[in-house]
């Protein structure tokens, strides 16, 4: 909550909850749980809205990295076949490791995106 937007989001959510004329809502707010849920949902909605372009940019970057790694692997195999050389196992191992790590990063990226865009 470093840049002020989050304080504003929470304030607006609390004001909405306080100004609502709904008696059932007010009972829920007085119990605390409903109030926390309203604030939580508003906060997550605002956060996911702010981060959506960042998530997209990250996914595009990860796709580009994966394509380049795959292209490098294909080039190593193709050159070895064309020139009749042995495959560079060390280079292929490095590229395969990088590809696997990128897959892990993409999975974690997706998990963070799901966490920040879901609500109860």
PDB file of N, CA and C in Angstrom:
ATOM      1  N   UNK A   1       0.843  -1.172   0.000  1.00  0.00           N
ATOM      2  CA  UNK A   1       0.000   0.000   0.000  1.00  0.00           C
ATOM      3  C   UNK A   1       0.889   1.236   0.000  1.00  0.00           C
ATOM      4  N   UNK A   2       1.736   1.259  -0.975  1.00  0.00           N
ATOM      5  CA  UNK A   2       2.783   2.261  -0.966  1.00  0.00           C
ATOM      6  C   UNK A   2       2.456   3.525  -1.719  1.00  0.00           C
ATOM      7  N   UNK A   3       1.564   3.460  -2.686  1.00  0.00           N
ATOM      8  CA  UNK A   3       1.424   4.634  -3.543  1.00  0.00           C
ATOM      9  C   UNK A   3       0.114   5.395  -3.379  1.00  0.00           C
ATOM     10  N   UNK A   4      -0.598   5.165  -2.323  1.00  0.00           N
ATOM     11  CA  UNK A   4      -1.779   5.962  -2.048  1.00  0.00           C
ATOM     12  C   UNK A   4      -3.059   5.452  -2.669  1.00  0.00           C
ATOM     13  N   UNK A   5      -2.973   4.765  -3.790  1.00  0.00           N
ATOM     14  CA  UNK A   5      -4.191   4.286  -4.442  1.00  0.00           C
ATOM     15  C   UNK A   5      -4.923   3.295  -3.528  1.00  0.00           C
ATOM     16  N   UNK A   6      -4.181   2.505  -2.798  1.00  0.00           N
ATOM     17  CA  UNK A   6      -4.818   1.477  -1.968  1.00  0.00           C
ATOM     18  C   UNK A   6      -5.550   2.104  -0.797  1.00  0.00           C
ATOM     19  N   UNK A   7      -4.974   3.148  -0.212  1.00  0.00           N
ATOM     20  CA  UNK A   7      -5.676   3.858   0.858  1.00  0.00           C
ATOM     21  C   UNK A   7      -6.989   4.423   0.330  1.00  0.00           C
ATOM     22  N   UNK A   8      -6.944   4.960  -0.891  1.00  0.00           N
ATOM     23  CA  UNK A   8      -8.142   5.523  -1.513  1.00  0.00           C
ATOM     24  C   UNK A   8      -9.187   4.437  -1.781  1.00  0.00           C
ATOM     25  N   UNK A   9      -8.753   3.296  -2.286  1.00  0.00           N
ATOM     26  CA  UNK A   9      -9.680   2.186  -2.560  1.00  0.00           C
ATOM     27  C   UNK A   9     -10.352   1.729  -1.275  1.00  0.00           C
ATOM     28  N   UNK A  10      -9.578   1.563  -0.227  1.00  0.00           N
ATOM     29  CA  UNK A  10     -10.147   1.109   1.042  1.00  0.00           C
ATOM     30  C   UNK A  10     -11.094   2.150   1.631  1.00  0.00           C
ATOM     31  N   UNK A  11     -10.738   3.408   1.514  1.00  0.00           N
ATOM     32  CA  UNK A  11     -11.595   4.486   2.016  1.00  0.00           C
ATOM     33  C   UNK A  11     -12.920   4.498   1.259  1.00  0.00           C
ATOM     34  N   UNK A  12     -12.853   4.390  -0.069  1.00  0.00           N
ATOM     35  CA  UNK A  12     -14.070   4.385  -0.883  1.00  0.00           C
ATOM     36  C   UNK A  12     -14.952   3.187  -0.540  1.00  0.00           C
ATOM     37  N   UNK A  13     -14.344   2.022  -0.352  1.00  0.00           N
ATOM     38  CA  UNK A  13     -15.124   0.831  -0.015  1.00  0.00           C
ATOM     39  C   UNK A  13     -15.795   0.991   1.345  1.00  0.00           C
ATOM     40  N   UNK A  14     -15.066   1.542   2.299  1.00  0.00           N
ATOM     41  CA  UNK A  14     -15.640   1.750   3.628  1.00  0.00           C
ATOM     42  C   UNK A  14     -16.762   2.774   3.574  1.00  0.00           C
ATOM     43  N   UNK A  15     -16.579   3.845   2.790  1.00  0.00           N
ATOM     44  CA  UNK A  15     -17.627   4.861   2.658  1.00  0.00           C
ATOM     45  C   UNK A  15     -18.867   4.267   2.007  1.00  0.00           C
ATOM     46  N   UNK A  16     -18.668   3.447   0.983  1.00  0.00           N
ATOM     47  CA  UNK A  16     -19.796   2.799   0.325  1.00  0.00           C
ATOM     48  C   UNK A  16     -20.562   1.934   1.332  1.00  0.00           C
ATOM     49  N   UNK A  17     -19.809   1.183   2.108  1.00  0.00           N
ATOM     50  CA  UNK A  17     -20.444   0.310   3.091  1.00  0.00           C
ATOM     51  C   UNK A  17     -21.201   1.122   4.134  1.00  0.00           C
ATOM     52  N   UNK A  18     -20.608   2.226   4.581  1.00  0.00           N
ATOM     53  CA  UNK A  18     -21.251   3.056   5.599  1.00  0.00           C
ATOM     54  C   UNK A  18     -22.476   3.780   5.060  1.00  0.00           C
ATOM     55  N   UNK A  19     -22.430   4.213   3.783  1.00  0.00           N
ATOM     56  CA  UNK A  19     -23.515   5.000   3.206  1.00  0.00           C
ATOM     57  C   UNK A  19     -24.658   4.154   2.671  1.00  0.00           C
ATOM     58  N   UNK A  20     -24.432   2.865   2.568  1.00  0.00           N
ATOM     59  CA  UNK A  20     -25.472   1.986   2.036  1.00  0.00           C
ATOM     60  C   UNK A  20     -26.657   1.978   2.995  1.00  0.00           C
ATOM     61  N   UNK A  21     -27.842   2.109   2.434  1.00  0.00           N
ATOM     62  CA  UNK A  21     -29.045   2.118   3.262  1.00  0.00           C
ATOM     63  C   UNK A  21     -29.592   0.731   3.519  1.00  0.00           C
ATOM     64  N   UNK A  22     -28.923  -0.256   3.054  1.00  0.00           N
ATOM     65  CA  UNK A  22     -29.380  -1.637   3.173  1.00  0.00           C
ATOM     66  C   UNK A  22     -29.204  -2.106   4.614  1.00  0.00           C
ATOM     67  N   UNK A  23     -30.346  -2.391   5.283  1.00  0.00           N
ATOM     68  CA  UNK A  23     -30.282  -2.807   6.680  1.00  0.00           C
ATOM     69  C   UNK A  23     -29.505  -4.105   6.852  1.00  0.00           C
ATOM     70  N   UNK A  24     -29.697  -5.058   5.918  1.00  0.00           N
ATOM     71  CA  UNK A  24     -28.973  -6.323   6.026  1.00  0.00           C
ATOM     72  C   UNK A  24     -27.478  -6.092   5.894  1.00  0.00           C
ATOM     73  N   UNK A  25     -27.100  -5.199   4.994  1.00  0.00           N
ATOM     74  CA  UNK A  25     -25.687  -4.884   4.832  1.00  0.00           C
ATOM     75  C   UNK A  25     -25.141  -4.267   6.103  1.00  0.00           C
ATOM     76  N   UNK A  26     -25.897  -3.366   6.703  1.00  0.00           N
ATOM     77  CA  UNK A  26     -25.423  -2.702   7.920  1.00  0.00           C
ATOM     78  C   UNK A  26     -25.269  -3.710   9.058  1.00  0.00           C
ATOM     79  N   UNK A  27     -26.170  -4.683   9.139  1.00  0.00           N
ATOM     80  CA  UNK A  27     -26.028  -5.719  10.165  1.00  0.00           C
ATOM     81  C   UNK A  27     -24.750  -6.500   9.920  1.00  0.00           C
ATOM     82  N   UNK A  28     -24.518  -6.843   8.659  1.00  0.00           N
ATOM     83  CA  UNK A  28     -23.292  -7.564   8.311  1.00  0.00           C
ATOM     84  C   UNK A  28     -22.052  -6.758   8.619  1.00  0.00           C
ATOM     85  N   UNK A  29     -22.117  -5.456   8.343  1.00  0.00           N
ATOM     86  CA  UNK A  29     -20.962  -4.613   8.608  1.00  0.00           C
ATOM     87  C   UNK A  29     -20.685  -4.508  10.100  1.00  0.00           C
ATOM     88  N   UNK A  30     -21.737  -4.454  10.864  1.00  0.00           N
ATOM     89  CA  UNK A  30     -21.527  -4.343  12.301  1.00  0.00           C
ATOM     90  C   UNK A  30     -20.897  -5.617  12.856  1.00  0.00           C
ATOM     91  N   UNK A  31     -21.062  -6.711  12.152  1.00  0.00           N
ATOM     92  CA  UNK A  31     -20.458  -7.966  12.593  1.00  0.00           C
ATOM     93  C   UNK A  31     -19.003  -8.071  12.158  1.00  0.00           C
ATOM     94  N   UNK A  32     -18.583  -7.239  11.243  1.00  0.00           N
ATOM     95  CA  UNK A  32     -17.170  -7.199  10.859  1.00  0.00           C
ATOM     96  C   UNK A  32     -16.809  -8.065   9.675  1.00  0.00           C
ATOM     97  N   UNK A  33     -17.324  -9.267   9.615  1.00  0.00           N
ATOM     98  CA  UNK A  33     -16.964 -10.185   8.539  1.00  0.00           C
ATOM     99  C   UNK A  33     -17.369  -9.679   7.170  1.00  0.00           C
ATOM    100  N   UNK A  34     -18.574  -9.172   7.078  1.00  0.00           N
ATOM    101  CA  UNK A  34     -19.067  -8.651   5.795  1.00  0.00           C
ATOM    102  C   UNK A  34     -18.250  -7.431   5.379  1.00  0.00           C
ATOM    103  N   UNK A  35     -17.922  -6.601   6.343  1.00  0.00           N
ATOM    104  CA  UNK A  35     -17.132  -5.405   6.068  1.00  0.00           C
ATOM    105  C   UNK A  35     -15.758  -5.796   5.518  1.00  0.00           C
ATOM    106  N   UNK A  36     -15.128  -6.774   6.145  1.00  0.00           N
ATOM    107  CA  UNK A  36     -13.822  -7.225   5.664  1.00  0.00           C
ATOM    108  C   UNK A  36     -13.931  -7.798   4.258  1.00  0.00           C
ATOM    109  N   UNK A  37     -15.010  -8.523   3.968  1.00  0.00           N
ATOM    110  CA  UNK A  37     -15.188  -9.098   2.630  1.00  0.00           C
ATOM    111  C   UNK A  37     -15.355  -7.998   1.581  1.00  0.00           C
ATOM    112  N   UNK A  38     -16.130  -6.976   1.903  1.00  0.00           N
ATOM    113  CA  UNK A  38     -16.301  -5.855   0.961  1.00  0.00           C
ATOM    114  C   UNK A  38     -14.954  -5.197   0.691  1.00  0.00           C
ATOM    115  N   UNK A  39     -14.207  -4.920   1.753  1.00  0.00           N
ATOM    116  CA  UNK A  39     -12.895  -4.299   1.587  1.00  0.00           C
ATOM    117  C   UNK A  39     -11.944  -5.209   0.811  1.00  0.00           C
ATOM    118  N   UNK A  40     -11.964  -6.500   1.119  1.00  0.00           N
ATOM    119  CA  UNK A  40     -11.098  -7.460   0.443  1.00  0.00           C
ATOM    120  C   UNK A  40     -11.415  -7.511  -1.046  1.00  0.00           C
ATOM    121  N   UNK A  41     -12.702  -7.626  -1.375  1.00  0.00           N
ATOM    122  CA  UNK A  41     -13.097  -7.704  -2.786  1.00  0.00           C
ATOM    123  C   UNK A  41     -12.738  -6.430  -3.542  1.00  0.00           C
ATOM    124  N   UNK A  42     -12.983  -5.270  -2.919  1.00  0.00           N
ATOM    125  CA  UNK A  42     -12.647  -3.998  -3.569  1.00  0.00           C
ATOM    126  C   UNK A  42     -11.135  -3.897  -3.782  1.00  0.00           C
ATOM    127  N   UNK A  43     -10.371  -4.288  -2.782  1.00  0.00           N
ATOM    128  CA  UNK A  43      -8.921  -4.218  -2.867  1.00  0.00           C
ATOM    129  C   UNK A  43      -8.397  -5.132  -3.973  1.00  0.00           C
ATOM    130  N   UNK A  44      -8.870  -6.371  -4.003  1.00  0.00           N
ATOM    131  CA  UNK A  44      -8.415  -7.310  -5.025  1.00  0.00           C
ATOM    132  C   UNK A  44      -8.847  -6.868  -6.418  1.00  0.00           C
ATOM    133  N   UNK A  45     -10.054  -6.305  -6.531  1.00  0.00           N
ATOM    134  CA  UNK A  45     -10.525  -5.827  -7.825  1.00  0.00           C
ATOM    135  C   UNK A  45      -9.637  -4.674  -8.313  1.00  0.00           C
ATOM    136  N   UNK A  46      -9.330  -3.762  -7.424  1.00  0.00           N
ATOM    137  CA  UNK A  46      -8.482  -2.627  -7.797  1.00  0.00           C
ATOM    138  C   UNK A  46      -7.071  -3.103  -8.146  1.00  0.00           C
ATOM    139  N   UNK A  47      -6.544  -4.014  -7.353  1.00  0.00           N
ATOM    140  CA  UNK A  47      -5.195  -4.514  -7.596  1.00  0.00           C
ATOM    141  C   UNK A  47      -5.115  -5.262  -8.923  1.00  0.00           C
ATOM    142  N   UNK A  48      -6.102  -6.111  -9.208  1.00  0.00           N
ATOM    143  CA  UNK A  48      -6.078  -6.844 -10.478  1.00  0.00           C
ATOM    144  C   UNK A  48      -6.225  -5.886 -11.655  1.00  0.00           C
ATOM    145  N   UNK A  49      -7.000  -4.825 -11.489  1.00  0.00           N
ATOM    146  CA  UNK A  49      -7.134  -3.832 -12.554  1.00  0.00           C
ATOM    147  C   UNK A  49      -5.831  -3.108 -12.830  1.00  0.00           C
ATOM    148  N   UNK A  50      -5.105  -2.789 -11.774  1.00  0.00           N
ATOM    149  CA  UNK A  50      -3.826  -2.107 -11.919  1.00  0.00           C
ATOM    150  C   UNK A  50      -2.786  -3.036 -12.552  1.00  0.00           C
ATOM    151  N   UNK A  51      -2.847  -4.320 -12.211  1.00  0.00           N
ATOM    152  CA  UNK A  51      -1.800  -5.248 -12.638  1.00  0.00           C
ATOM    153  C   UNK A  51      -2.070  -5.957 -13.959  1.00  0.00           C
ATOM    154  N   UNK A  52      -3.266  -5.833 -14.524  1.00  0.00           N
ATOM    155  CA  UNK A  52      -3.603  -6.623 -15.709  1.00  0.00           C
ATOM    156  C   UNK A  52      -2.635  -6.372 -16.855  1.00  0.00           C
ATOM    157  N   UNK A  53      -2.261  -5.131 -17.098  1.00  0.00           N
ATOM    158  CA  UNK A  53      -1.322  -4.858 -18.197  1.00  0.00           C
ATOM    159  C   UNK A  53       0.063  -5.417 -17.881  1.00  0.00           C
ATOM    160  N   UNK A  54       0.451  -5.404 -16.612  1.00  0.00           N
ATOM    161  CA  UNK A  54       1.736  -5.974 -16.221  1.00  0.00           C
ATOM    162  C   UNK A  54       1.738  -7.487 -16.409  1.00  0.00           C
ATOM    163  N   UNK A  55       0.640  -8.135 -16.034  1.00  0.00           N
ATOM    164  CA  UNK A  55       0.539  -9.576 -16.261  1.00  0.00           C
ATOM    165  C   UNK A  55       0.633  -9.900 -17.748  1.00  0.00           C
ATOM    166  N   UNK A  56      -0.061  -9.143 -18.575  1.00  0.00           N
ATOM    167  CA  UNK A  56      -0.018  -9.378 -20.026  1.00  0.00           C
ATOM    168  C   UNK A  56       1.392  -9.182 -20.568  1.00  0.00           C
ATOM    169  N   UNK A  57       2.038  -8.108 -20.142  1.00  0.00           N
ATOM    170  CA  UNK A  57       3.403  -7.839 -20.608  1.00  0.00           C
ATOM    171  C   UNK A  57       4.348  -8.963 -20.189  1.00  0.00           C
ATOM    172  N   UNK A  58       4.181  -9.441 -18.975  1.00  0.00           N
ATOM    173  CA  UNK A  58       5.018 -10.543 -18.496  1.00  0.00           C
ATOM    174  C   UNK A  58       4.789 -11.814 -19.290  1.00  0.00           C
ATOM    175  N   UNK A  59       3.538 -12.106 -19.593  1.00  0.00           N
ATOM    176  CA  UNK A  59       3.225 -13.298 -20.380  1.00  0.00           C
ATOM    177  C   UNK A  59       3.797 -13.191 -21.787  1.00  0.00           C
ATOM    178  N   UNK A  60       3.713 -12.013 -22.387  1.00  0.00           N
ATOM    179  CA  UNK A  60       4.286 -11.795 -23.725  1.00  0.00           C
ATOM    180  C   UNK A  60       5.800 -11.986 -23.680  1.00  0.00           C
ATOM    181  N   UNK A  61       6.442 -11.443 -22.657  1.00  0.00           N
ATOM    182  CA  UNK A  61       7.898 -11.583 -22.522  1.00  0.00           C
ATOM    183  C   UNK A  61       8.292 -13.042 -22.329  1.00  0.00           C
ATOM    184  N   UNK A  62       7.567 -13.763 -21.495  1.00  0.00           N
ATOM    185  CA  UNK A  62       7.874 -15.175 -21.276  1.00  0.00           C
ATOM    186  C   UNK A  62       7.690 -15.982 -22.555  1.00  0.00           C
ATOM    187  N   UNK A  63       6.644 -15.688 -23.322  1.00  0.00           N
ATOM    188  CA  UNK A  63       6.433 -16.370 -24.598  1.00  0.00           C
ATOM    189  C   UNK A  63       7.602 -16.115 -25.548  1.00  0.00           C
ATOM    190  N   UNK A  64       8.078 -14.885 -25.594  1.00  0.00           N
ATOM    191  CA  UNK A  64       9.206 -14.537 -26.472  1.00  0.00           C
ATOM    192  C   UNK A  64      10.461 -15.289 -26.047  1.00  0.00           C
ATOM    193  N   UNK A  65      10.727 -15.336 -24.762  1.00  0.00           N
ATOM    194  CA  UNK A  65      11.894 -16.063 -24.264  1.00  0.00           C
ATOM    195  C   UNK A  65      11.791 -17.540 -24.627  1.00  0.00           C
ATOM    196  N   UNK A  66      10.619 -18.138 -24.424  1.00  0.00           N
ATOM    197  CA  UNK A  66      10.436 -19.555 -24.758  1.00  0.00           C
ATOM    198  C   UNK A  66      10.633 -19.812 -26.243  1.00  0.00           C
ATOM    199  N   UNK A  67      10.111 -18.926 -27.085  1.00  0.00           N
ATOM    200  CA  UNK A  67      10.295 -19.085 -28.536  1.00  0.00           C
ATOM    201  C   UNK A  67      11.774 -19.015 -28.913  1.00  0.00           C
ATOM    202  N   UNK A  68      12.507 -18.094 -28.300  1.00  0.00           N
ATOM    203  CA  UNK A  68      13.938 -17.960 -28.598  1.00  0.00           C
ATOM    204  C   UNK A  68      14.721 -19.183 -28.132  1.00  0.00           C
ATOM    205  N   UNK A  69      14.394 -19.706 -26.965  1.00  0.00           N
ATOM    206  CA  UNK A  69      15.072 -20.913 -26.472  1.00  0.00           C
ATOM    207  C   UNK A  69      14.773 -22.080 -27.410  1.00  0.00           C
ATOM    208  N   UNK A  70      13.500 -22.257 -27.788  1.00  0.00           N
ATOM    209  CA  UNK A  70      13.134 -23.339 -28.718  1.00  0.00           C
ATOM    210  C   UNK A  70      13.857 -23.183 -30.049  1.00  0.00           C
ATOM    211  N   UNK A  71      13.957 -21.956 -30.530  1.00  0.00           N
ATOM    212  CA  UNK A  71      14.650 -21.683 -31.788  1.00  0.00           C
ATOM    213  C   UNK A  71      16.134 -22.040 -31.679  1.00  0.00           C
ATOM    214  N   UNK A  72      16.740 -21.719 -30.550  1.00  0.00           N
ATOM    215  CA  UNK A  72      18.155 -22.045 -30.348  1.00  0.00           C
ATOM    216  C   UNK A  72      18.364 -23.555 -30.320  1.00  0.00           C
ATOM    217  N   UNK A  73      17.462 -24.279 -29.660  1.00  0.00           N
ATOM    218  CA  UNK A  73      17.561 -25.745 -29.616  1.00  0.00           C
ATOM    219  C   UNK A  73      17.454 -26.314 -31.027  1.00  0.00           C
ATOM    220  N   UNK A  74      16.488 -25.833 -31.794  1.00  0.00           N
ATOM    221  CA  UNK A  74      16.321 -26.308 -33.172  1.00  0.00           C
ATOM    222  C   UNK A  74      17.559 -26.008 -34.016  1.00  0.00           C
ATOM    223  N   UNK A  75      18.147 -24.841 -33.806  1.00  0.00           N
ATOM    224  CA  UNK A  75      19.342 -24.468 -34.563  1.00  0.00           C
ATOM    225  C   UNK A  75      20.510 -25.385 -34.231  1.00  0.00           C
ATOM    226  N   UNK A  76      20.690 -25.711 -32.951  1.00  0.00           N
ATOM    227  CA  UNK A  76      21.780 -26.609 -32.547  1.00  0.00           C
ATOM    228  C   UNK A  76      21.594 -27.972 -33.206  1.00  0.00           C
ATOM    229  N   UNK A  77      20.382 -28.510 -33.154  1.00  0.00           N
ATOM    230  CA  UNK A  77      20.105 -29.826 -33.742  1.00  0.00           C
ATOM    231  C   UNK A  77      20.253 -29.770 -35.256  1.00  0.00           C
ATOM    232  N   UNK A  78      19.714 -28.751 -35.876  1.00  0.00           N
ATOM    233  CA  UNK A  78      19.780 -28.614 -37.329  1.00  0.00           C
ATOM    234  C   UNK A  78      21.224 -28.495 -37.818  1.00  0.00           C
ATOM    235  N   UNK A  79      22.024 -27.667 -37.163  1.00  0.00           N
ATOM    236  CA  UNK A  79      23.428 -27.507 -37.562  1.00  0.00           C
ATOM    237  C   UNK A  79      24.218 -28.795 -37.371  1.00  0.00           C
ATOM    238  N   UNK A  80      23.935 -29.501 -36.297  1.00  0.00           N
ATOM    239  CA  UNK A  80      24.635 -30.768 -36.070  1.00  0.00           C
ATOM    240  C   UNK A  80      24.288 -31.770 -37.170  1.00  0.00           C
ATOM    241  N   UNK A  81      23.018 -31.841 -37.558  1.00  0.00           N
ATOM    242  CA  UNK A  81      22.604 -32.756 -38.622  1.00  0.00           C
ATOM    243  C   UNK A  81      23.194 -32.338 -39.962  1.00  0.00           C
ATOM    244  N   UNK A  82      23.159 -31.057 -40.250  1.00  0.00           N
ATOM    245  CA  UNK A  82      23.638 -30.525 -41.531  1.00  0.00           C
ATOM    246  C   UNK A  82      25.138 -30.740 -41.690  1.00  0.00           C
ATOM    247  N   UNK A  83      25.892 -30.462 -40.628  1.00  0.00           N
ATOM    248  CA  UNK A  83      27.343 -30.529 -40.708  1.00  0.00           C
ATOM    249  C   UNK A  83      27.885 -31.899 -40.307  1.00  0.00           C
ATOM    250  N   UNK A  84      26.998 -32.791 -39.872  1.00  0.00           N
ATOM    251  CA  UNK A  84      27.433 -34.117 -39.454  1.00  0.00           C
ATOM    252  C   UNK A  84      28.240 -34.103 -38.168  1.00  0.00           C
ATOM    253  N   UNK A  85      27.993 -33.091 -37.340  1.00  0.00           N
ATOM    254  CA  UNK A  85      28.716 -32.973 -36.080  1.00  0.00           C
ATOM    255  C   UNK A  85      27.925 -33.619 -34.951  1.00  0.00           C
ATOM    256  N   UNK A  86      28.653 -33.899 -33.886  1.00  0.00           N
ATOM    257  CA  UNK A  86      27.965 -34.393 -32.696  1.00  0.00           C
ATOM    258  C   UNK A  86      27.208 -33.234 -32.063  1.00  0.00           C
ATOM    259  N   UNK A  87      26.107 -33.575 -31.439  1.00  0.00           N
ATOM    260  CA  UNK A  87      25.334 -32.554 -30.725  1.00  0.00           C
ATOM    261  C   UNK A  87      26.141 -32.042 -29.539  1.00  0.00           C
ATOM    262  N   UNK A  88      26.001 -30.774 -29.271  1.00  0.00           N
ATOM    263  CA  UNK A  88      26.636 -30.177 -28.097  1.00  0.00           C
ATOM    264  C   UNK A  88      25.721 -30.433 -26.901  1.00  0.00           C
ATOM    265  N   UNK A  89      25.976 -31.556 -26.234  1.00  0.00           N
ATOM    266  CA  UNK A  89      25.111 -31.962 -25.117  1.00  0.00           C
ATOM    267  C   UNK A  89      25.093 -30.927 -23.996  1.00  0.00           C
ATOM    268  N   UNK A  90      26.224 -30.306 -23.752  1.00  0.00           N
ATOM    269  CA  UNK A  90      26.286 -29.296 -22.677  1.00  0.00           C
ATOM    270  C   UNK A  90      25.368 -28.115 -23.023  1.00  0.00           C
ATOM    271  N   UNK A  91      25.437 -27.627 -24.270  1.00  0.00           N
ATOM    272  CA  UNK A  91      24.590 -26.511 -24.689  1.00  0.00           C
ATOM    273  C   UNK A  91      23.113 -26.911 -24.650  1.00  0.00           C
ATOM    274  N   UNK A  92      22.805 -28.099 -25.139  1.00  0.00           N
ATOM    275  CA  UNK A  92      21.409 -28.561 -25.107  1.00  0.00           C
ATOM    276  C   UNK A  92      20.906 -28.696 -23.673  1.00  0.00           C
ATOM    277  N   UNK A  93      21.766 -29.140 -22.786  1.00  0.00           N
ATOM    278  CA  UNK A  93      21.392 -29.264 -21.376  1.00  0.00           C
ATOM    279  C   UNK A  93      21.090 -27.892 -20.771  1.00  0.00           C
ATOM    280  N   UNK A  94      21.922 -26.912 -21.086  1.00  0.00           N
ATOM    281  CA  UNK A  94      21.707 -25.546 -20.588  1.00  0.00           C
ATOM    282  C   UNK A  94      20.379 -24.998 -21.116  1.00  0.00           C
ATOM    283  N   UNK A  95      20.143 -25.174 -22.410  1.00  0.00           N
ATOM    284  CA  UNK A  95      18.904 -24.663 -23.017  1.00  0.00           C
ATOM    285  C   UNK A  95      17.669 -25.389 -22.463  1.00  0.00           C
ATOM    286  N   UNK A  96      17.785 -26.693 -22.274  1.00  0.00           N
ATOM    287  CA  UNK A  96      16.661 -27.457 -21.714  1.00  0.00           C
ATOM    288  C   UNK A  96      16.378 -27.023 -20.280  1.00  0.00           C
ATOM    289  N   UNK A  97      17.433 -26.784 -19.505  1.00  0.00           N
ATOM    290  CA  UNK A  97      17.264 -26.314 -18.130  1.00  0.00           C
ATOM    291  C   UNK A  97      16.581 -24.949 -18.113  1.00  0.00           C
ATOM    292  N   UNK A  98      17.039 -24.052 -18.991  1.00  0.00           N
ATOM    293  CA  UNK A  98      16.427 -22.723 -19.078  1.00  0.00           C
ATOM    294  C   UNK A  98      14.958 -22.832 -19.473  1.00  0.00           C
ATOM    295  N   UNK A  99      14.657 -23.696 -20.422  1.00  0.00           N
ATOM    296  CA  UNK A  99      13.271 -23.883 -20.864  1.00  0.00           C
ATOM    297  C   UNK A  99      12.397 -24.402 -19.721  1.00  0.00           C
ATOM    298  N   UNK A 100      12.911 -25.364 -18.985  1.00  0.00           N
ATOM    299  CA  UNK A 100      12.160 -25.906 -17.843  1.00  0.00           C
ATOM    300  C   UNK A 100      11.922 -24.869 -16.762  1.00  0.00           C
ATOM    301  N   UNK A 101      12.934 -24.062 -16.508  1.00  0.00           N
ATOM    302  CA  UNK A 101      12.785 -23.006 -15.503  1.00  0.00           C
ATOM    303  C   UNK A 101      11.764 -21.960 -15.953  1.00  0.00           C
ATOM    304  N   UNK A 102      11.772 -21.655 -17.243  1.00  0.00           N
ATOM    305  CA  UNK A 102      10.784 -20.703 -17.760  1.00  0.00           C
ATOM    306  C   UNK A 102       9.371 -21.264 -17.600  1.00  0.00           C
ATOM    307  N   UNK A 103       9.214 -22.549 -17.806  1.00  0.00           N
ATOM    308  CA  UNK A 103       7.905 -23.172 -17.604  1.00  0.00           C
ATOM    309  C   UNK A 103       7.477 -23.024 -16.141  1.00  0.00           C
ATOM    310  N   UNK A 104       8.408 -23.248 -15.220  1.00  0.00           N
ATOM    311  CA  UNK A 104       8.106 -23.075 -13.796  1.00  0.00           C
ATOM    312  C   UNK A 104       7.730 -21.645 -13.459  1.00  0.00           C
ATOM    313  N   UNK A 105       8.446 -20.694 -14.045  1.00  0.00           N
ATOM    314  CA  UNK A 105       8.139 -19.276 -13.822  1.00  0.00           C
ATOM    315  C   UNK A 105       6.745 -18.954 -14.351  1.00  0.00           C
ATOM    316  N   UNK A 106       6.432 -19.469 -15.546  1.00  0.00           N
ATOM    317  CA  UNK A 106       5.109 -19.214 -16.139  1.00  0.00           C
ATOM    318  C   UNK A 106       3.997 -19.783 -15.263  1.00  0.00           C
ATOM    319  N   UNK A 107       4.223 -20.967 -14.695  1.00  0.00           N
ATOM    320  CA  UNK A 107       3.214 -21.562 -13.815  1.00  0.00           C
ATOM    321  C   UNK A 107       3.027 -20.723 -12.551  1.00  0.00           C
ATOM    322  N   UNK A 108       4.112 -20.286 -11.948  1.00  0.00           N
ATOM    323  CA  UNK A 108       4.013 -19.444 -10.748  1.00  0.00           C
ATOM    324  C   UNK A 108       3.376 -18.095 -11.074  1.00  0.00           C
ATOM    325  N   UNK A 109       3.724 -17.531 -12.220  1.00  0.00           N
ATOM    326  CA  UNK A 109       3.138 -16.263 -12.678  1.00  0.00           C
ATOM    327  C   UNK A 109       1.624 -16.415 -12.758  1.00  0.00           C
ATOM    328  N   UNK A 110       1.184 -17.520 -13.368  1.00  0.00           N
ATOM    329  CA  UNK A 110      -0.248 -17.783 -13.501  1.00  0.00           C
ATOM    330  C   UNK A 110      -0.887 -17.926 -12.122  1.00  0.00           C
ATOM    331  N   UNK A 111      -0.223 -18.645 -11.216  1.00  0.00           N
ATOM    332  CA  UNK A 111      -0.771 -18.826  -9.865  1.00  0.00           C
ATOM    333  C   UNK A 111      -0.942 -17.496  -9.136  1.00  0.00           C
ATOM    334  N   UNK A 112       0.033 -16.610  -9.272  1.00  0.00           N
ATOM    335  CA  UNK A 112      -0.074 -15.280  -8.645  1.00  0.00           C
ATOM    336  C   UNK A 112      -1.242 -14.517  -9.267  1.00  0.00           C
ATOM    337  N   UNK A 113      -1.369 -14.602 -10.579  1.00  0.00           N
ATOM    338  CA  UNK A 113      -2.468 -13.919 -11.272  1.00  0.00           C
ATOM    339  C   UNK A 113      -3.821 -14.431 -10.760  1.00  0.00           C
ATOM    340  N   UNK A 114      -3.950 -15.735 -10.599  1.00  0.00           N
ATOM    341  CA  UNK A 114      -5.197 -16.313 -10.099  1.00  0.00           C
ATOM    342  C   UNK A 114      -5.474 -15.839  -8.666  1.00  0.00           C
ATOM    343  N   UNK A 115      -4.455 -15.860  -7.836  1.00  0.00           N
ATOM    344  CA  UNK A 115      -4.628 -15.425  -6.440  1.00  0.00           C
ATOM    345  C   UNK A 115      -5.140 -13.993  -6.381  1.00  0.00           C
ATOM    346  N   UNK A 116      -4.580 -13.120  -7.206  1.00  0.00           N
ATOM    347  CA  UNK A 116      -4.927 -11.702  -7.130  1.00  0.00           C
ATOM    348  C   UNK A 116      -6.191 -11.338  -7.889  1.00  0.00           C
ATOM    349  N   UNK A 117      -6.736 -12.253  -8.677  1.00  0.00           N
ATOM    350  CA  UNK A 117      -7.939 -11.929  -9.443  1.00  0.00           C
ATOM    351  C   UNK A 117      -9.153 -12.743  -9.012  1.00  0.00           C
ATOM    352  N   UNK A 118      -9.020 -13.541  -7.994  1.00  0.00           N
ATOM    353  CA  UNK A 118     -10.178 -14.316  -7.541  1.00  0.00           C
ATOM    354  C   UNK A 118     -10.798 -13.659  -6.328  1.00  0.00           C
ATOM    355  N   UNK A 119     -12.036 -13.943  -6.117  1.00  0.00           N
ATOM    356  CA  UNK A 119     -12.690 -13.491  -4.887  1.00  0.00           C
ATOM    357  C   UNK A 119     -13.516 -14.658  -4.352  1.00  0.00           C
ATOM    358  N   UNK A 120     -13.869 -14.544  -3.092  1.00  0.00           N
ATOM    359  CA  UNK A 120     -14.598 -15.644  -2.416  1.00  0.00           C
ATOM    360  C   UNK A 120     -15.943 -15.875  -3.051  1.00  0.00           C
TER     361      UNK A 120
END
